[in-house]
Protein backbone atom coordinates (compact mmCIF):
# COMPACT_ATOMS: atom_id res chain seq x y z
CA MET A 1 -12.76 -2.50 17.33
CA SER A 2 -10.79 -0.46 19.85
CA LEU A 3 -8.31 2.16 18.73
CA ILE A 4 -4.59 1.42 18.97
CA LEU A 5 -3.00 3.87 21.40
CA SER A 6 0.55 5.09 21.97
CA ASP A 7 0.94 3.40 25.38
CA MET A 8 0.31 -0.07 23.92
CA LYS A 9 3.23 -2.41 23.35
CA LEU A 10 4.08 -2.51 19.66
CA SER A 11 4.87 -6.24 19.77
CA GLU A 12 1.43 -7.07 21.18
CA VAL A 13 -0.29 -4.88 18.56
CA ILE A 14 1.60 -6.57 15.69
CA LEU A 15 0.94 -10.07 17.06
CA GLN A 16 -2.76 -9.29 17.26
CA HIS A 17 -2.86 -7.57 13.86
CA TYR A 18 -0.27 -9.34 11.70
CA VAL A 19 -1.41 -7.36 8.63
CA LEU A 20 0.53 -4.43 10.11
CA MET A 21 3.89 -6.08 9.41
CA PRO A 22 4.32 -4.25 6.07
CA VAL A 23 3.44 -0.97 7.79
CA ILE A 24 6.27 -1.07 10.31
CA ARG A 25 8.65 -2.02 7.52
CA ARG A 26 7.61 1.02 5.49
CA PHE A 27 8.27 3.19 8.51
CA ASN A 28 11.75 1.57 8.55
CA ILE A 29 11.15 0.02 11.99
CA LYS A 30 13.27 -3.08 12.49
CA LEU A 31 12.14 -6.15 14.39
CA GLY A 32 13.44 -6.63 17.92
CA PHE A 33 11.53 -3.85 19.69
CA GLY A 34 10.94 -6.03 22.77
CA GLU A 35 8.36 -4.77 25.23
CA LYS A 36 8.56 -1.13 24.14
CA THR A 37 5.43 0.93 23.69
CA ILE A 38 4.50 2.50 20.39
CA LYS A 39 5.43 5.89 21.81
CA LYS A 40 8.89 4.66 22.82
CA VAL A 41 9.55 3.01 19.45
CA CYS A 42 8.49 6.16 17.61
CA GLU A 43 10.82 8.24 19.78
CA GLU A 44 13.74 5.92 19.04
CA TYR A 45 13.10 6.03 15.29
CA ASN A 46 12.32 9.76 15.26
CA LEU A 47 8.81 9.10 13.97
CA ASP A 48 5.71 11.20 14.51
CA ALA A 49 3.66 9.02 16.87
CA ASP A 50 0.36 10.64 15.90
CA LEU A 51 0.96 9.90 12.22
CA PHE A 52 2.09 6.35 12.95
CA LEU A 53 -1.07 5.74 14.98
CA ALA A 54 -3.22 7.29 12.25
CA VAL A 55 -1.77 4.96 9.62
CA ILE A 56 -2.08 1.75 11.65
CA ASN A 57 -5.58 2.57 12.90
CA LEU A 58 -6.65 3.38 9.34
CA TYR A 59 -5.10 0.10 8.22
CA ILE A 60 -7.25 -2.07 10.49
CA GLN A 61 -10.44 0.01 10.83
CA GLN A 62 -12.74 0.88 7.95
CA THR A 63 -14.38 3.83 9.71
CA TYR A 64 -11.31 5.50 11.24
CA THR A 65 -11.08 9.25 10.64
CA LEU A 66 -8.51 11.81 11.70
CA GLU A 67 -9.87 14.69 13.76
CA ARG A 68 -7.67 17.35 12.15
CA PRO A 69 -5.64 17.64 8.92
CA LEU A 70 -2.04 16.49 8.95
CA MET A 71 0.60 19.12 9.63
CA ILE A 72 3.32 19.88 7.07
CA ASN A 73 5.91 17.62 8.67
CA GLN A 74 3.33 14.82 8.83
CA ILE A 75 2.44 15.33 5.18
CA ALA A 76 6.09 14.92 4.22
CA ALA A 77 6.37 11.77 6.35
CA THR A 78 3.20 10.36 4.74
CA VAL A 79 4.67 10.93 1.29
CA ASP A 80 7.84 9.11 2.37
CA TYR A 81 5.71 6.21 3.61
CA LEU A 82 3.82 6.01 0.32
CA LYS A 83 7.08 6.18 -1.63
CA ASN A 84 8.35 3.22 0.41
CA THR A 85 5.12 1.38 -0.39
CA ASN A 86 5.58 2.03 -4.11
CA ALA A 87 9.18 0.84 -3.95
CA GLN A 88 8.21 -2.41 -2.25
CA ILE A 89 5.46 -3.04 -4.78
CA VAL A 90 7.87 -2.58 -7.68
CA GLN A 91 10.92 -4.28 -6.18
CA ALA A 92 9.31 -7.14 -4.24
CA GLN A 93 5.59 -7.72 -4.62
CA LEU A 94 5.19 -7.64 -8.40
CA PRO A 95 8.26 -9.85 -8.95
CA ASN A 96 6.95 -12.24 -6.28
CA VAL A 97 3.60 -12.64 -8.05
CA GLU A 98 5.32 -13.12 -11.42
CA ARG A 99 7.80 -15.64 -10.03
CA HIS A 100 5.02 -17.87 -8.69
CA LEU A 101 2.83 -17.32 -11.73
CA HIS A 102 5.60 -18.23 -14.18
CA ALA A 103 6.39 -21.36 -12.18
CA LEU A 104 2.73 -22.33 -12.34
CA MET A 105 2.65 -21.72 -16.09
CA ALA A 106 5.79 -23.77 -16.64
CA SER A 107 4.40 -26.71 -14.69
CA ASN A 108 0.88 -26.75 -16.09
CA PHE A 109 0.42 -24.38 -19.03
CA GLU A 110 -0.05 -27.04 -21.69
CA HIS A 111 -2.88 -28.63 -19.68
CA ASN A 112 -4.89 -25.53 -18.85
CA LYS A 113 -5.09 -22.42 -21.05
CA THR A 114 -6.73 -20.54 -18.16
CA ILE A 115 -3.27 -19.97 -16.71
CA GLY A 116 -2.28 -18.11 -19.86
CA ILE A 117 -5.40 -15.94 -19.64
CA ILE A 118 -4.67 -15.22 -15.97
CA ASN A 119 -1.09 -14.24 -16.83
CA ASN A 120 -2.25 -11.90 -19.62
CA PHE A 121 -4.74 -10.25 -17.27
CA PHE A 122 -2.01 -9.85 -14.65
CA GLN A 123 0.28 -8.17 -17.19
CA GLU A 124 -2.49 -5.64 -17.94
CA ILE A 125 -2.96 -4.99 -14.23
CA LYS A 126 0.80 -4.65 -13.74
CA ALA A 127 1.04 -2.05 -16.54
CA GLU A 128 -1.82 -0.04 -15.02
CA LEU A 129 -0.33 -0.27 -11.55
CA LEU A 130 3.12 0.85 -12.72
CA ALA A 131 1.52 3.78 -14.55
CA GLY A 132 -0.17 4.80 -11.30
CA ILE A 133 3.06 4.52 -9.36
CA ASP A 134 4.91 6.60 -11.96
CA TYR A 135 2.16 9.23 -11.81
CA ASP A 136 2.38 9.47 -8.04
CA ASN A 137 6.19 9.52 -7.94
CA GLU A 138 6.60 11.96 -10.84
CA GLN A 139 3.55 14.22 -10.50
CA ARG A 140 1.62 14.00 -7.25
CA PHE A 141 4.47 13.70 -4.77
CA PRO A 142 6.65 16.47 -6.28
CA TYR A 143 3.59 18.75 -6.29
CA ILE A 144 2.93 17.98 -2.63
CA GLU A 145 6.58 18.50 -1.70
CA ARG A 146 6.66 21.89 -3.46
CA LEU A 147 3.43 22.86 -1.72
CA CYS A 148 4.87 21.91 1.67
CA ASN A 149 7.92 24.04 0.91
CA GLY A 150 5.73 27.04 0.12
CA LEU A 151 6.74 27.26 -3.54
CA PRO A 152 4.22 28.79 -5.99
CA GLU A 153 2.26 26.41 -8.20
CA SER A 154 0.61 28.94 -10.52
CA ASN A 155 2.21 27.48 -13.66
CA ALA A 156 1.95 23.82 -12.66
CA ALA A 157 -0.95 21.51 -13.35
CA ARG A 158 -2.56 20.25 -10.18
CA PRO A 159 -2.49 16.43 -10.03
CA ASP A 160 -5.66 14.42 -9.53
CA ASP A 161 -6.67 13.54 -5.99
CA LEU A 162 -7.38 9.94 -6.93
CA PRO A 163 -4.36 7.91 -8.01
CA ILE A 164 -4.51 6.17 -11.37
CA LYS A 165 -4.31 2.83 -9.55
CA GLU A 166 -7.67 3.51 -7.95
CA THR A 167 -9.37 0.49 -9.58
CA VAL A 168 -6.39 -1.87 -9.59
CA ASP A 169 -7.34 -3.53 -6.31
CA GLU A 170 -10.75 -4.49 -7.78
CA LYS A 171 -9.08 -5.99 -10.84
CA ILE A 172 -6.73 -8.02 -8.66
CA PHE A 173 -9.78 -9.31 -6.78
CA ASP A 174 -11.27 -10.38 -10.13
CA LEU A 175 -7.98 -12.09 -10.99
CA ARG A 176 -7.98 -14.00 -7.70
CA SER A 177 -11.56 -15.06 -8.41
CA MET A 178 -10.52 -16.41 -11.82
CA LEU A 179 -7.69 -18.37 -10.22
CA MET A 180 -9.99 -19.84 -7.59
CA LYS A 181 -12.98 -20.66 -9.83
CA TYR A 182 -11.64 -21.58 -13.24
CA LEU A 183 -8.19 -23.14 -12.84
CA THR A 184 -8.88 -26.82 -13.42
CA GLY A 185 -6.77 -29.85 -14.21
CA GLU A 186 -3.64 -31.02 -12.47
CA ALA A 187 -2.33 -27.63 -11.40
CA ASP A 188 0.31 -27.56 -8.65
CA GLN A 189 -1.79 -26.57 -5.65
CA ASN A 190 1.15 -25.15 -3.69
CA LEU A 191 1.92 -22.79 -6.57
CA CYS A 192 -1.78 -21.92 -6.90
CA TYR A 193 -1.96 -20.93 -3.25
CA ALA A 194 1.32 -19.01 -3.55
CA VAL A 195 -0.07 -16.97 -6.47
CA PHE A 196 -3.38 -16.44 -4.67
CA PHE A 197 -1.84 -15.11 -1.45
CA ALA A 198 0.75 -13.00 -3.27
CA LEU A 199 -2.13 -11.37 -5.17
CA PHE A 200 -4.14 -10.96 -1.96
CA THR A 201 -1.25 -9.16 -0.25
CA LEU A 202 -0.77 -6.86 -3.22
CA GLU A 203 -4.49 -6.13 -3.44
CA ASN A 204 -4.69 -5.26 0.26
CA ASP A 205 -1.64 -2.99 0.12
CA ILE A 206 -3.04 -1.05 -2.83
CA ARG A 207 -6.39 -0.67 -1.07
CA GLN A 208 -4.66 0.64 2.05
CA TYR A 209 -2.49 2.95 -0.05
CA ASN A 210 -5.59 4.50 -1.57
CA LYS A 211 -7.24 4.87 1.85
CA ILE A 212 -4.23 6.78 3.14
CA CYS A 213 -4.40 9.08 0.12
CA LYS A 214 -8.14 9.68 0.51
CA LYS A 215 -8.45 9.97 4.27
CA LEU A 216 -5.10 11.40 5.36
CA LEU A 217 -3.20 12.99 2.53
CA ASN A 218 -5.89 14.61 0.37
CA PRO A 219 -7.67 16.48 3.23
CA ALA A 220 -4.30 17.82 4.39
CA ILE A 221 -3.38 18.97 0.87
CA HIS A 222 -6.73 20.70 0.40
CA HIS A 223 -6.26 22.49 3.72
CA LEU A 224 -2.73 23.53 2.80
CA GLU A 225 -3.82 24.80 -0.63
CA LYS A 226 -6.42 27.07 0.98
CA GLU A 227 -3.79 28.57 3.26
CA CYS A 228 -1.33 29.31 0.42
């Protein structure tokens, strides 16, 4: 798959790769960018074009690697992006899954106990995911921000490279498999599909979140720590 470049029209890139819609939202880019190139859109939104390209190429390509570590301003922008991702998970995606799941339970719970099992498993996943988000927001990101500002960290515990939500995407995959294989009876199929795709979107976002941490953020932090 060819790399996405700065002279490409953003609208054409998004239409070809619709999975990038959440990415432009987390960069606070509004729809209505017409025929503008990625470079032009980044200039208008005061975004680092190299970082934007790194994120979207990483999002759609498994083997994408950055040639050099992120610079300090790019590290800060990456943290902001990940904070926006966390906020959307908490404020929109988790409630969306629960809304559909509760509607499915209300319509069919008495006929199929599997729905109750699925809901219990989801609540466990949700608790683990929220713990990971809290860890990143309260430990990892403040550490990174202090490091970028050149403040000493001699008395502070260094956070783990891997976020606590590292295995959550695999558990959501297992949950989707349960929904697809074992939900029998007269379940509302529209609600089933709504739960399935809401889980799929959440799973993909978490997987991409972890890729950004591993391939963009962590190498930059390691490089910065050596220089301090």
